[in-house]
Every structure is written in structure tokens, then in C-alpha cells.
Amino acid sequence: SKTGLADAVATATELKKSDIMKVLTSLAEVVQKEVKKTGKVTLPGMCMVKTRLKPATKAGKREMFGKVCVVKAKPARTVVKAFPVA
């Protein structure tokens, strides 16, 4: 959680928890803006966050777990994925 992360960073760096919370909030805002603008952000040493376009699905019948189910059509959508950075 955000508060747990802030506690851990505050004890490790001997900074105030409120300052760490402000940093985390501003980092989240910056990452959100960059992902919307460019579609890809790398947090060095942590992860890479990027968007991916999931294609549209057609309506019809599909077999799931041995049963035939009627499935509705879904539009194409953009999903956000995070990948670990070595």
C-alpha cells in the first residue's frame, strides 16, 4: 500500500513521512501523464509501464470449461501493463 511504502522509505532515508507521501503522489501524477502522452514510462530499477491495445472481440459461442457459452462483442480498448526491469 501507499502508506506502507511511505513508512518503509521514511525509516530507510530518515525523512518525514509527509514528505515521502508528497513525492509518491507527484510521481504517480507524472507517470500517469507520461503514459497517456507517450504510452511508455520506465522507472529505473523498478518497472516499465506501457500501454497495449487489446483488439475487439466478436460476439458468438465459445466453449469454456467444456460448456458452450454465448459471448457478447467487446470493443477494442487500451490496457496498461507493468513489466519488471532487471
Protein backbone atom coordinates (compact mmCIF):
# COMPACT_ATOMS: atom_id res chain seq x y z
CA SER A 1 0.00 0.00 0.00
CA LYS A 2 1.00 3.62 -0.36
CA THR A 3 1.27 4.25 3.38
CA GLY A 4 3.29 1.09 3.94
CA LEU A 5 5.69 2.11 1.18
CA ALA A 6 5.93 5.62 2.64
CA ASP A 7 6.70 4.19 6.10
CA ALA A 8 9.45 1.95 4.73
CA VAL A 9 11.07 4.74 2.72
CA ALA A 10 10.78 7.22 5.61
CA THR A 11 12.57 4.88 8.02
CA ALA A 12 15.25 4.00 5.45
CA THR A 13 16.01 7.62 4.50
CA GLU A 14 15.24 9.37 7.81
CA LEU A 15 12.86 11.81 6.07
CA LYS A 16 9.36 12.80 7.18
CA LYS A 17 6.51 10.51 6.16
CA SER A 18 4.51 13.51 4.88
CA ASP A 19 7.35 14.46 2.52
CA ILE A 20 7.53 10.91 1.19
CA MET A 21 3.74 10.91 0.61
CA LYS A 22 4.06 14.12 -1.44
CA VAL A 23 6.83 12.55 -3.51
CA LEU A 24 4.81 9.40 -4.16
CA THR A 25 1.73 11.43 -5.14
CA SER A 26 3.69 13.61 -7.56
CA LEU A 27 5.46 10.54 -9.00
CA ALA A 28 2.08 8.91 -9.66
CA GLU A 29 0.83 12.06 -11.43
CA VAL A 30 3.94 12.32 -13.60
CA VAL A 31 3.80 8.64 -14.57
CA GLN A 32 0.10 8.92 -15.41
CA LYS A 33 0.67 11.94 -17.68
CA GLU A 34 3.64 10.30 -19.44
CA VAL A 35 1.78 7.03 -20.04
CA LYS A 36 -1.15 8.93 -21.54
CA LYS A 37 1.17 11.04 -23.72
CA THR A 38 3.82 8.57 -24.92
CA GLY A 39 2.42 5.17 -23.94
CA LYS A 40 5.58 4.08 -22.11
CA VAL A 41 7.41 5.04 -18.88
CA THR A 42 10.42 3.38 -17.26
CA LEU A 43 11.06 3.73 -13.54
CA PRO A 44 14.78 2.89 -13.33
CA GLY A 45 15.48 -0.22 -11.31
CA MET A 46 11.78 -0.91 -10.69
CA CYS A 47 9.47 -1.42 -13.65
CA MET A 48 8.40 -0.32 -17.09
CA VAL A 49 4.78 0.76 -17.51
CA LYS A 50 3.36 0.77 -21.01
CA THR A 51 0.04 0.64 -22.82
CA ARG A 52 -1.16 -2.08 -25.14
CA LEU A 53 -4.13 -2.13 -27.50
CA LYS A 54 -6.38 -5.14 -26.91
CA PRO A 55 -8.26 -6.00 -30.10
CA ALA A 56 -12.04 -6.13 -30.35
CA THR A 57 -13.75 -9.49 -29.86
CA LYS A 58 -16.66 -10.77 -31.91
CA ALA A 59 -19.93 -11.99 -30.45
CA GLY A 60 -20.70 -15.67 -30.73
CA LYS A 61 -20.48 -19.01 -28.98
CA ARG A 62 -17.30 -20.13 -27.22
CA GLU A 63 -16.52 -23.30 -25.36
CA MET A 64 -15.30 -22.57 -21.83
CA PHE A 65 -14.56 -25.40 -19.37
CA GLY A 66 -16.47 -27.87 -21.52
CA LYS A 67 -19.63 -25.74 -21.74
CA VAL A 68 -20.77 -23.65 -24.70
CA CYS A 69 -21.39 -20.03 -23.66
CA VAL A 70 -22.83 -17.11 -25.61
CA VAL A 71 -20.34 -14.21 -25.52
CA LYS A 72 -21.09 -10.55 -26.20
CA ALA A 73 -18.94 -8.46 -28.54
CA LYS A 74 -16.42 -6.16 -26.86
CA PRO A 75 -14.79 -3.08 -28.38
CA ALA A 76 -11.05 -2.59 -28.69
CA ARG A 77 -9.51 -0.99 -25.60
CA THR A 78 -6.18 0.20 -24.27
CA VAL A 79 -4.79 -1.59 -21.21
CA VAL A 80 -1.85 -0.59 -19.02
CA LYS A 81 0.76 -3.25 -18.28
CA ALA A 82 3.80 -3.20 -15.99
CA PHE A 83 6.96 -5.21 -16.65
CA PRO A 84 9.91 -5.77 -14.27
CA VAL A 85 13.20 -4.10 -15.15
CA ALA A 86 16.38 -6.03 -14.46
